[in-house]
Amino acid sequence: FAMNMSVDGYIAAPGDDLGWSVPSDELFQWWSDRVDGTGLALY
């Protein structure tokens, strides 16, 4: 289970707002490499 999380433990703010979770370029590359190494994603 891999997700972004706020310090207070949320993956989305009220109203499903994800504006706080914009990644840096380095973090975005980490997520991209993770997708590349995933055999199957469950959504």
ModelCIF file with pLDDT and N, C-alpha, C, O atoms, coordinates in Angstrom:
data_MODEL
#
_entry.id   MODEL 
#
_entity.id                         1 
_entity.type                       polymer 
_entity.pdbx_number_of_molecules   1 
#
_entity_poly.entity_id                      1 
_entity_poly.type                           'polypeptide(L)' 
_entity_poly.nstd_linkage                   no 
_entity_poly.nstd_monomer                   no 
_entity_poly.pdbx_seq_one_letter_code       FAMNMSVDGYIAAPGDDLGWSVPSDELFQWWSDRVDGTGLALY 
_entity_poly.pdbx_seq_one_letter_code_can   FAMNMSVDGYIAAPGDDLGWSVPSDELFQWWSDRVDGTGLALY 
_entity_poly.pdbx_strand_id                 A 
#
loop_
_entity_poly_seq.entity_id 
_entity_poly_seq.num 
_entity_poly_seq.mon_id 
_entity_poly_seq.hetero 
1 1  PHE n 
1 2  ALA n 
1 3  MET n 
1 4  ASN n 
1 5  MET n 
1 6  SER n 
1 7  VAL n 
1 8  ASP n 
1 9  GLY n 
1 10 TYR n 
1 11 ILE n 
1 12 ALA n 
1 13 ALA n 
1 14 PRO n 
1 15 GLY n 
1 16 ASP n 
1 17 ASP n 
1 18 LEU n 
1 19 GLY n 
1 20 TRP n 
1 21 SER n 
1 22 VAL n 
1 23 PRO n 
1 24 SER n 
1 25 ASP n 
1 26 GLU n 
1 27 LEU n 
1 28 PHE n 
1 29 GLN n 
1 30 TRP n 
1 31 TRP n 
1 32 SER n 
1 33 ASP n 
1 34 ARG n 
1 35 VAL n 
1 36 ASP n 
1 37 GLY n 
1 38 THR n 
1 39 GLY n 
1 40 LEU n 
1 41 ALA n 
1 42 LEU n 
1 43 TYR n 
#
_struct_asym.id          A 
_struct_asym.entity_id   1 
#
loop_
_ma_qa_metric.id 
_ma_qa_metric.mode 
_ma_qa_metric.name 
_ma_qa_metric.software_group_id 
_ma_qa_metric.type 
1 global pLDDT . pLDDT 
2 local  pLDDT . pLDDT 
#
_ma_qa_metric_global.metric_id      1 
_ma_qa_metric_global.metric_value   94.33 
_ma_qa_metric_global.model_id       1 
_ma_qa_metric_global.ordinal_id     1 
#
loop_
_ma_qa_metric_local.label_asym_id 
_ma_qa_metric_local.label_comp_id 
_ma_qa_metric_local.label_seq_id 
_ma_qa_metric_local.metric_id 
_ma_qa_metric_local.metric_value 
_ma_qa_metric_local.model_id 
_ma_qa_metric_local.ordinal_id 
A PHE 1  2 97.00 1 1  
A ALA 2  2 96.00 1 2  
A MET 3  2 95.00 1 3  
A ASN 4  2 96.00 1 4  
A MET 5  2 97.00 1 5  
A SER 6  2 98.00 1 6  
A VAL 7  2 98.00 1 7  
A ASP 8  2 98.00 1 8  
A GLY 9  2 97.00 1 9  
A TYR 10 2 97.00 1 10 
A ILE 11 2 95.00 1 11 
A ALA 12 2 94.00 1 12 
A ALA 13 2 96.00 1 13 
A PRO 14 2 96.00 1 14 
A GLY 15 2 94.00 1 15 
A ASP 16 2 91.00 1 16 
A ASP 17 2 93.00 1 17 
A LEU 18 2 91.00 1 18 
A GLY 19 2 93.00 1 19 
A TRP 20 2 95.00 1 20 
A SER 21 2 93.00 1 21 
A VAL 22 2 91.00 1 22 
A PRO 23 2 91.00 1 23 
A SER 24 2 90.00 1 24 
A ASP 25 2 90.00 1 25 
A GLU 26 2 93.00 1 26 
A LEU 27 2 94.00 1 27 
A PHE 28 2 92.00 1 28 
A GLN 29 2 94.00 1 29 
A TRP 30 2 95.00 1 30 
A TRP 31 2 94.00 1 31 
A SER 32 2 94.00 1 32 
A ASP 33 2 95.00 1 33 
A ARG 34 2 93.00 1 34 
A VAL 35 2 93.00 1 35 
A ASP 36 2 94.00 1 36 
A GLY 37 2 93.00 1 37 
A THR 38 2 94.00 1 38 
A GLY 39 2 93.00 1 39 
A LEU 40 2 96.00 1 40 
A ALA 41 2 96.00 1 41 
A LEU 42 2 97.00 1 42 
A TYR 43 2 94.00 1 43 
#
loop_
_atom_site.group_PDB 
_atom_site.id 
_atom_site.type_symbol 
_atom_site.label_atom_id 
_atom_site.label_alt_id 
_atom_site.label_comp_id 
_atom_site.label_asym_id 
_atom_site.label_entity_id 
_atom_site.label_seq_id 
_atom_site.pdbx_PDB_ins_code 
_atom_site.Cartn_x 
_atom_site.Cartn_y 
_atom_site.Cartn_z 
_atom_site.occupancy 
_atom_site.B_iso_or_equiv 
_atom_site.pdbx_formal_charge 
_atom_site.auth_seq_id 
_atom_site.auth_comp_id 
_atom_site.auth_asym_id 
_atom_site.auth_atom_id 
_atom_site.pdbx_PDB_model_num 
ATOM 1   N N  . PHE A 1 1  ? 0.878   -1.168 0.000   1.00 97.00 ? 1  PHE A N  1 
ATOM 2   C CA . PHE A 1 1  ? 0.000   0.000  0.000   1.00 97.00 ? 1  PHE A CA 1 
ATOM 3   C C  . PHE A 1 1  ? 0.916   1.217  0.000   1.00 97.00 ? 1  PHE A C  1 
ATOM 4   O O  . PHE A 1 1  ? 1.582   1.492  0.998   1.00 97.00 ? 1  PHE A O  1 
ATOM 5   N N  . ALA A 1 2  ? 0.952   1.946  -1.107  1.00 96.00 ? 2  ALA A N  1 
ATOM 6   C CA . ALA A 1 2  ? 1.835   3.095  -1.277  1.00 96.00 ? 2  ALA A CA 1 
ATOM 7   C C  . ALA A 1 2  ? 1.007   4.315  -1.645  1.00 96.00 ? 2  ALA A C  1 
ATOM 8   O O  . ALA A 1 2  ? 0.301   4.312  -2.653  1.00 96.00 ? 2  ALA A O  1 
ATOM 9   N N  . MET A 1 3  ? 1.095   5.350  -0.834  1.00 95.00 ? 3  MET A N  1 
ATOM 10  C CA . MET A 1 3  ? 0.321   6.575  -1.077  1.00 95.00 ? 3  MET A CA 1 
ATOM 11  C C  . MET A 1 3  ? 1.046   7.760  -0.454  1.00 95.00 ? 3  MET A C  1 
ATOM 12  O O  . MET A 1 3  ? 1.915   7.595  0.403   1.00 95.00 ? 3  MET A O  1 
ATOM 13  N N  . ASN A 1 4  ? 0.676   8.956  -0.897  1.00 96.00 ? 4  ASN A N  1 
ATOM 14  C CA . ASN A 1 4  ? 1.074   10.180 -0.217  1.00 96.00 ? 4  ASN A CA 1 
ATOM 15  C C  . ASN A 1 4  ? 0.172   10.351 1.001   1.00 96.00 ? 4  ASN A C  1 
ATOM 16  O O  . ASN A 1 4  ? -0.988  9.940  0.994   1.00 96.00 ? 4  ASN A O  1 
ATOM 17  N N  . MET A 1 5  ? 0.729   10.966 2.054   1.00 97.00 ? 5  MET A N  1 
ATOM 18  C CA . MET A 1 5  ? -0.039  11.163 3.283   1.00 97.00 ? 5  MET A CA 1 
ATOM 19  C C  . MET A 1 5  ? 0.372   12.490 3.916   1.00 97.00 ? 5  MET A C  1 
ATOM 20  O O  . MET A 1 5  ? 1.543   12.868 3.878   1.00 97.00 ? 5  MET A O  1 
ATOM 21  N N  . SER A 1 6  ? -0.594  13.191 4.494   1.00 98.00 ? 6  SER A N  1 
ATOM 22  C CA . SER A 1 6  ? -0.292  14.395 5.262   1.00 98.00 ? 6  SER A CA 1 
ATOM 23  C C  . SER A 1 6  ? 0.271   13.978 6.620   1.00 98.00 ? 6  SER A C  1 
ATOM 24  O O  . SER A 1 6  ? 0.109   12.829 7.033   1.00 98.00 ? 6  SER A O  1 
ATOM 25  N N  . VAL A 1 7  ? 0.920   14.891 7.305   1.00 98.00 ? 7  VAL A N  1 
ATOM 26  C CA . VAL A 1 7  ? 1.466   14.584 8.631   1.00 98.00 ? 7  VAL A CA 1 
ATOM 27  C C  . VAL A 1 7  ? 0.363   14.117 9.579   1.00 98.00 ? 7  VAL A C  1 
ATOM 28  O O  . VAL A 1 7  ? 0.613   13.285 10.451  1.00 98.00 ? 7  VAL A O  1 
ATOM 29  N N  . ASP A 1 8  ? -0.858  14.644 9.420   1.00 98.00 ? 8  ASP A N  1 
ATOM 30  C CA . ASP A 1 8  ? -1.939  14.229 10.302  1.00 98.00 ? 8  ASP A CA 1 
ATOM 31  C C  . ASP A 1 8  ? -2.688  12.989 9.791   1.00 98.00 ? 8  ASP A C  1 
ATOM 32  O O  . ASP A 1 8  ? -3.769  12.674 10.290  1.00 98.00 ? 8  ASP A O  1 
ATOM 33  N N  . GLY A 1 9  ? -2.131  12.293 8.813   1.00 97.00 ? 9  GLY A N  1 
ATOM 34  C CA . GLY A 1 9  ? -2.605  10.954 8.480   1.00 97.00 ? 9  GLY A CA 1 
ATOM 35  C C  . GLY A 1 9  ? -3.630  10.819 7.374   1.00 97.00 ? 9  GLY A C  1 
ATOM 36  O O  . GLY A 1 9  ? -4.313  9.798  7.304   1.00 97.00 ? 9  GLY A O  1 
ATOM 37  N N  . TYR A 1 10 ? -3.764  11.809 6.507   1.00 97.00 ? 10 TYR A N  1 
ATOM 38  C CA . TYR A 1 10 ? -4.790  11.755 5.467   1.00 97.00 ? 10 TYR A CA 1 
ATOM 39  C C  . TYR A 1 10 ? -4.172  11.624 4.072   1.00 97.00 ? 10 TYR A C  1 
ATOM 40  O O  . TYR A 1 10 ? -3.104  12.174 3.805   1.00 97.00 ? 10 TYR A O  1 
ATOM 41  N N  . ILE A 1 11 ? -4.857  10.888 3.181   1.00 95.00 ? 11 ILE A N  1 
ATOM 42  C CA . ILE A 1 11 ? -4.408  10.765 1.799   1.00 95.00 ? 11 ILE A CA 1 
ATOM 43  C C  . ILE A 1 11 ? -5.138  11.755 0.892   1.00 95.00 ? 11 ILE A C  1 
ATOM 44  O O  . ILE A 1 11 ? -4.716  11.993 -0.240  1.00 95.00 ? 11 ILE A O  1 
ATOM 45  N N  . ALA A 1 12 ? -6.217  12.321 1.381   1.00 94.00 ? 12 ALA A N  1 
ATOM 46  C CA . ALA A 1 12 ? -6.943  13.384 0.685   1.00 94.00 ? 12 ALA A CA 1 
ATOM 47  C C  . ALA A 1 12 ? -7.557  14.295 1.735   1.00 94.00 ? 12 ALA A C  1 
ATOM 48  O O  . ALA A 1 12 ? -8.049  13.832 2.763   1.00 94.00 ? 12 ALA A O  1 
ATOM 49  N N  . ALA A 1 13 ? -7.525  15.586 1.469   1.00 96.00 ? 13 ALA A N  1 
ATOM 50  C CA . ALA A 1 13 ? -8.143  16.561 2.367   1.00 96.00 ? 13 ALA A CA 1 
ATOM 51  C C  . ALA A 1 13 ? -9.655  16.557 2.123   1.00 96.00 ? 13 ALA A C  1 
ATOM 52  O O  . ALA A 1 13 ? -10.121 15.924 1.177   1.00 96.00 ? 13 ALA A O  1 
ATOM 53  N N  . PRO A 1 14 ? -10.420 17.250 2.958   1.00 96.00 ? 14 PRO A N  1 
ATOM 54  C CA . PRO A 1 14 ? -11.866 17.317 2.726   1.00 96.00 ? 14 PRO A CA 1 
ATOM 55  C C  . PRO A 1 14 ? -12.185 17.715 1.280   1.00 96.00 ? 14 PRO A C  1 
ATOM 56  O O  . PRO A 1 14 ? -11.495 18.541 0.683   1.00 96.00 ? 14 PRO A O  1 
ATOM 57  N N  . GLY A 1 15 ? -13.235 17.114 0.736   1.00 94.00 ? 15 GLY A N  1 
ATOM 58  C CA . GLY A 1 15 ? -13.619 17.357 -0.650  1.00 94.00 ? 15 GLY A CA 1 
ATOM 59  C C  . GLY A 1 15 ? -12.718 16.641 -1.642  1.00 94.00 ? 15 GLY A C  1 
ATOM 60  O O  . GLY A 1 15 ? -12.683 16.989 -2.822  1.00 94.00 ? 15 GLY A O  1 
ATOM 61  N N  . ASP A 1 16 ? -11.981 15.629 -1.158  1.00 91.00 ? 16 ASP A N  1 
ATOM 62  C CA . ASP A 1 16 ? -11.035 14.866 -1.992  1.00 91.00 ? 16 ASP A CA 1 
ATOM 63  C C  . ASP A 1 16 ? -9.938  15.749 -2.587  1.00 91.00 ? 16 ASP A C  1 
ATOM 64  O O  . ASP A 1 16 ? -9.408  15.448 -3.656  1.00 91.00 ? 16 ASP A O  1 
ATOM 65  N N  . ASP A 1 17 ? -9.600  16.831 -1.900  1.00 93.00 ? 17 ASP A N  1 
ATOM 66  C CA . ASP A 1 17 ? -8.573  17.763 -2.353  1.00 93.00 ? 17 ASP A CA 1 
ATOM 67  C C  . ASP A 1 17 ? -7.189  17.129 -2.217  1.00 93.00 ? 17 ASP A C  1 
ATOM 68  O O  . ASP A 1 17 ? -6.784  16.728 -1.127  1.00 93.00 ? 17 ASP A O  1 
ATOM 69  N N  . LEU A 1 18 ? -6.470  17.044 -3.342  1.00 91.00 ? 18 LEU A N  1 
ATOM 70  C CA . LEU A 1 18 ? -5.111  16.499 -3.364  1.00 91.00 ? 18 LEU A CA 1 
ATOM 71  C C  . LEU A 1 18 ? -4.073  17.577 -3.662  1.00 91.00 ? 18 LEU A C  1 
ATOM 72  O O  . LEU A 1 18 ? -2.906  17.263 -3.896  1.00 91.00 ? 18 LEU A O  1 
ATOM 73  N N  . GLY A 1 19 ? -4.483  18.836 -3.657  1.00 93.00 ? 19 GLY A N  1 
ATOM 74  C CA . GLY A 1 19 ? -3.589  19.930 -4.014  1.00 93.00 ? 19 GLY A CA 1 
ATOM 75  C C  . GLY A 1 19 ? -2.349  20.030 -3.150  1.00 93.00 ? 19 GLY A C  1 
ATOM 76  O O  . GLY A 1 19 ? -1.339  20.579 -3.589  1.00 93.00 ? 19 GLY A O  1 
ATOM 77  N N  . TRP A 1 20 ? -2.399  19.523 -1.952  1.00 95.00 ? 20 TRP A N  1 
ATOM 78  C CA . TRP A 1 20 ? -1.266  19.571 -1.029  1.00 95.00 ? 20 TRP A CA 1 
ATOM 79  C C  . TRP A 1 20 ? -0.190  18.530 -1.368  1.00 95.00 ? 20 TRP A C  1 
ATOM 80  O O  . TRP A 1 20 ? 0.923   18.604 -0.848  1.00 95.00 ? 20 TRP A O  1 
ATOM 81  N N  . SER A 1 21 ? -0.515  17.554 -2.242  1.00 93.00 ? 21 SER A N  1 
ATOM 82  C CA . SER A 1 21 ? 0.393   16.417 -2.438  1.00 93.00 ? 21 SER A CA 1 
ATOM 83  C C  . SER A 1 21 ? 1.193   16.474 -3.736  1.00 93.00 ? 21 SER A C  1 
ATOM 84  O O  . SER A 1 21 ? 1.633   15.439 -4.236  1.00 93.00 ? 21 SER A O  1 
ATOM 85  N N  . VAL A 1 22 ? 1.384   17.667 -4.284  1.00 91.00 ? 22 VAL A N  1 
ATOM 86  C CA . VAL A 1 22 ? 2.163   17.807 -5.513  1.00 91.00 ? 22 VAL A CA 1 
ATOM 87  C C  . VAL A 1 22 ? 3.617   17.414 -5.215  1.00 91.00 ? 22 VAL A C  1 
ATOM 88  O O  . VAL A 1 22 ? 4.236   17.969 -4.308  1.00 91.00 ? 22 VAL A O  1 
ATOM 89  N N  . PRO A 1 23 ? 4.158   16.460 -5.979  1.00 91.00 ? 23 PRO A N  1 
ATOM 90  C CA . PRO A 1 23 ? 5.505   15.980 -5.675  1.00 91.00 ? 23 PRO A CA 1 
ATOM 91  C C  . PRO A 1 23 ? 6.599   16.858 -6.284  1.00 91.00 ? 23 PRO A C  1 
ATOM 92  O O  . PRO A 1 23 ? 6.387   17.547 -7.282  1.00 91.00 ? 23 PRO A O  1 
ATOM 93  N N  . SER A 1 24 ? 7.764   16.812 -5.657  1.00 90.00 ? 24 SER A N  1 
ATOM 94  C CA . SER A 1 24 ? 8.957   17.403 -6.267  1.00 90.00 ? 24 SER A CA 1 
ATOM 95  C C  . SER A 1 24 ? 9.320   16.548 -7.482  1.00 90.00 ? 24 SER A C  1 
ATOM 96  O O  . SER A 1 24 ? 8.777   15.456 -7.656  1.00 90.00 ? 24 SER A O  1 
ATOM 97  N N  . ASP A 1 25 ? 10.226  17.033 -8.315  1.00 90.00 ? 25 ASP A N  1 
ATOM 98  C CA . ASP A 1 25 ? 10.661  16.248 -9.477  1.00 90.00 ? 25 ASP A CA 1 
ATOM 99  C C  . ASP A 1 25 ? 11.269  14.919 -9.047  1.00 90.00 ? 25 ASP A C  1 
ATOM 100 O O  . ASP A 1 25 ? 11.024  13.888 -9.674  1.00 90.00 ? 25 ASP A O  1 
ATOM 101 N N  . GLU A 1 26 ? 12.054  14.943 -7.987  1.00 93.00 ? 26 GLU A N  1 
ATOM 102 C CA . GLU A 1 26 ? 12.701  13.719 -7.491  1.00 93.00 ? 26 GLU A CA 1 
ATOM 103 C C  . GLU A 1 26 ? 11.666  12.715 -6.983  1.00 93.00 ? 26 GLU A C  1 
ATOM 104 O O  . GLU A 1 26 ? 11.771  11.519 -7.255  1.00 93.00 ? 26 GLU A O  1 
ATOM 105 N N  . LEU A 1 27 ? 10.680  13.198 -6.255  1.00 94.00 ? 27 LEU A N  1 
ATOM 106 C CA . LEU A 1 27 ? 9.633   12.302 -5.761  1.00 94.00 ? 27 LEU A CA 1 
ATOM 107 C C  . LEU A 1 27 ? 8.787   11.783 -6.919  1.00 94.00 ? 27 LEU A C  1 
ATOM 108 O O  . LEU A 1 27 ? 8.413   10.610 -6.925  1.00 94.00 ? 27 LEU A O  1 
ATOM 109 N N  . PHE A 1 28 ? 8.481   12.622 -7.890  1.00 92.00 ? 28 PHE A N  1 
ATOM 110 C CA . PHE A 1 28 ? 7.717   12.168 -9.050  1.00 92.00 ? 28 PHE A CA 1 
ATOM 111 C C  . PHE A 1 28 ? 8.471   11.048 -9.768  1.00 92.00 ? 28 PHE A C  1 
ATOM 112 O O  . PHE A 1 28 ? 7.860   10.076 -10.211 1.00 92.00 ? 28 PHE A O  1 
ATOM 113 N N  . GLN A 1 29 ? 9.802   11.179 -9.886  1.00 94.00 ? 29 GLN A N  1 
ATOM 114 C CA . GLN A 1 29 ? 10.591  10.124 -10.526 1.00 94.00 ? 29 GLN A CA 1 
ATOM 115 C C  . GLN A 1 29 ? 10.540  8.847  -9.700  1.00 94.00 ? 29 GLN A C  1 
ATOM 116 O O  . GLN A 1 29 ? 10.511  7.754  -10.267 1.00 94.00 ? 29 GLN A O  1 
ATOM 117 N N  . TRP A 1 30 ? 10.529  8.959  -8.370  1.00 95.00 ? 30 TRP A N  1 
ATOM 118 C CA . TRP A 1 30 ? 10.423  7.781  -7.508  1.00 95.00 ? 30 TRP A CA 1 
ATOM 119 C C  . TRP A 1 30 ? 9.094   7.067  -7.768  1.00 95.00 ? 30 TRP A C  1 
ATOM 120 O O  . TRP A 1 30 ? 9.060   5.843  -7.895  1.00 95.00 ? 30 TRP A O  1 
ATOM 121 N N  . TRP A 1 31 ? 7.993   7.835  -7.847  1.00 94.00 ? 31 TRP A N  1 
ATOM 122 C CA . TRP A 1 31 ? 6.690   7.241  -8.140  1.00 94.00 ? 31 TRP A CA 1 
ATOM 123 C C  . TRP A 1 31 ? 6.696   6.589  -9.517  1.00 94.00 ? 31 TRP A C  1 
ATOM 124 O O  . TRP A 1 31 ? 6.148   5.498  -9.676  1.00 94.00 ? 31 TRP A O  1 
ATOM 125 N N  . SER A 1 32 ? 7.295   7.221  -10.504 1.00 94.00 ? 32 SER A N  1 
ATOM 126 C CA . SER A 1 32 ? 7.349   6.680  -11.860 1.00 94.00 ? 32 SER A CA 1 
ATOM 127 C C  . SER A 1 32 ? 8.130   5.368  -11.891 1.00 94.00 ? 32 SER A C  1 
ATOM 128 O O  . SER A 1 32 ? 7.707   4.398  -12.520 1.00 94.00 ? 32 SER A O  1 
ATOM 129 N N  . ASP A 1 33 ? 9.270   5.347  -11.207 1.00 95.00 ? 33 ASP A N  1 
ATOM 130 C CA . ASP A 1 33 ? 10.067  4.116  -11.153 1.00 95.00 ? 33 ASP A CA 1 
ATOM 131 C C  . ASP A 1 33 ? 9.299   3.007  -10.435 1.00 95.00 ? 33 ASP A C  1 
ATOM 132 O O  . ASP A 1 33 ? 9.425   1.832  -10.781 1.00 95.00 ? 33 ASP A O  1 
ATOM 133 N N  . ARG A 1 34 ? 8.512   3.383  -9.446  1.00 93.00 ? 34 ARG A N  1 
ATOM 134 C CA . ARG A 1 34 ? 7.691   2.414  -8.726  1.00 93.00 ? 34 ARG A CA 1 
ATOM 135 C C  . ARG A 1 34 ? 6.647   1.800  -9.668  1.00 93.00 ? 34 ARG A C  1 
ATOM 136 O O  . ARG A 1 34 ? 6.444   0.586  -9.663  1.00 93.00 ? 34 ARG A O  1 
ATOM 137 N N  . VAL A 1 35 ? 5.989   2.638  -10.473 1.00 93.00 ? 35 VAL A N  1 
ATOM 138 C CA . VAL A 1 35 ? 5.023   2.136  -11.454 1.00 93.00 ? 35 VAL A CA 1 
ATOM 139 C C  . VAL A 1 35 ? 5.720   1.179  -12.424 1.00 93.00 ? 35 VAL A C  1 
ATOM 140 O O  . VAL A 1 35 ? 5.173   0.130  -12.766 1.00 93.00 ? 35 VAL A O  1 
ATOM 141 N N  . ASP A 1 36 ? 6.915   1.539  -12.861 1.00 94.00 ? 36 ASP A N  1 
ATOM 142 C CA . ASP A 1 36 ? 7.658   0.714  -13.807 1.00 94.00 ? 36 ASP A CA 1 
ATOM 143 C C  . ASP A 1 36 ? 7.987   -0.663 -13.226 1.00 94.00 ? 36 ASP A C  1 
ATOM 144 O O  . ASP A 1 36 ? 8.084   -1.640 -13.969 1.00 94.00 ? 36 ASP A O  1 
ATOM 145 N N  . GLY A 1 37 ? 8.159   -0.745 -11.905 1.00 93.00 ? 37 GLY A N  1 
ATOM 146 C CA . GLY A 1 37 ? 8.502   -2.010 -11.259 1.00 93.00 ? 37 GLY A CA 1 
ATOM 147 C C  . GLY A 1 37 ? 7.326   -2.785 -10.699 1.00 93.00 ? 37 GLY A C  1 
ATOM 148 O O  . GLY A 1 37 ? 7.508   -3.830 -10.075 1.00 93.00 ? 37 GLY A O  1 
ATOM 149 N N  . THR A 1 38 ? 6.112   -2.278 -10.918 1.00 94.00 ? 38 THR A N  1 
ATOM 150 C CA . THR A 1 38 ? 4.916   -2.925 -10.378 1.00 94.00 ? 38 THR A CA 1 
ATOM 151 C C  . THR A 1 38 ? 4.383   -3.943 -11.379 1.00 94.00 ? 38 THR A C  1 
ATOM 152 O O  . THR A 1 38 ? 4.172   -3.630 -12.550 1.00 94.00 ? 38 THR A O  1 
ATOM 153 N N  . GLY A 1 39 ? 4.168   -5.165 -10.901 1.00 93.00 ? 39 GLY A N  1 
ATOM 154 C CA . GLY A 1 39 ? 3.614   -6.203 -11.763 1.00 93.00 ? 39 GLY A CA 1 
ATOM 155 C C  . GLY A 1 39 ? 2.121   -6.047 -11.986 1.00 93.00 ? 39 GLY A C  1 
ATOM 156 O O  . GLY A 1 39 ? 1.607   -6.385 -13.052 1.00 93.00 ? 39 GLY A O  1 
ATOM 157 N N  . LEU A 1 40 ? 1.422   -5.531 -10.972 1.00 96.00 ? 40 LEU A N  1 
ATOM 158 C CA . LEU A 1 40 ? -0.021  -5.373 -11.050 1.00 96.00 ? 40 LEU A CA 1 
ATOM 159 C C  . LEU A 1 40 ? -0.447  -4.303 -10.052 1.00 96.00 ? 40 LEU A C  1 
ATOM 160 O O  . LEU A 1 40 ? -0.057  -4.349 -8.885  1.00 96.00 ? 40 LEU A O  1 
ATOM 161 N N  . ALA A 1 41 ? -1.245  -3.345 -10.505 1.00 96.00 ? 41 ALA A N  1 
ATOM 162 C CA . ALA A 1 41 ? -1.767  -2.300 -9.627  1.00 96.00 ? 41 ALA A CA 1 
ATOM 163 C C  . ALA A 1 41 ? -3.242  -2.559 -9.377  1.00 96.00 ? 41 ALA A C  1 
ATOM 164 O O  . ALA A 1 41 ? -4.004  -2.817 -10.308 1.00 96.00 ? 41 ALA A O  1 
ATOM 165 N N  . LEU A 1 42 ? -3.637  -2.490 -8.113  1.00 97.00 ? 42 LEU A N  1 
ATOM 166 C CA . LEU A 1 42 ? -5.029  -2.690 -7.705  1.00 97.00 ? 42 LEU A CA 1 
ATOM 167 C C  . LEU A 1 42 ? -5.597  -1.336 -7.304  1.00 97.00 ? 42 LEU A C  1 
ATOM 168 O O  . LEU A 1 42 ? -5.039  -0.651 -6.446  1.00 97.00 ? 42 LEU A O  1 
ATOM 169 N N  . TYR A 1 43 ? -6.704  -0.953 -7.923  1.00 94.00 ? 43 TYR A N  1 
ATOM 170 C CA . TYR A 1 43 ? -7.309  0.349  -7.690  1.00 94.00 ? 43 TYR A CA 1 
ATOM 171 C C  . TYR A 1 43 ? -8.737  0.209  -7.189  1.00 94.00 ? 43 TYR A C  1 
ATOM 172 O O  . TYR A 1 43 ? -9.405  1.212  -6.938  1.00 94.00 ? 43 TYR A O  1 
#
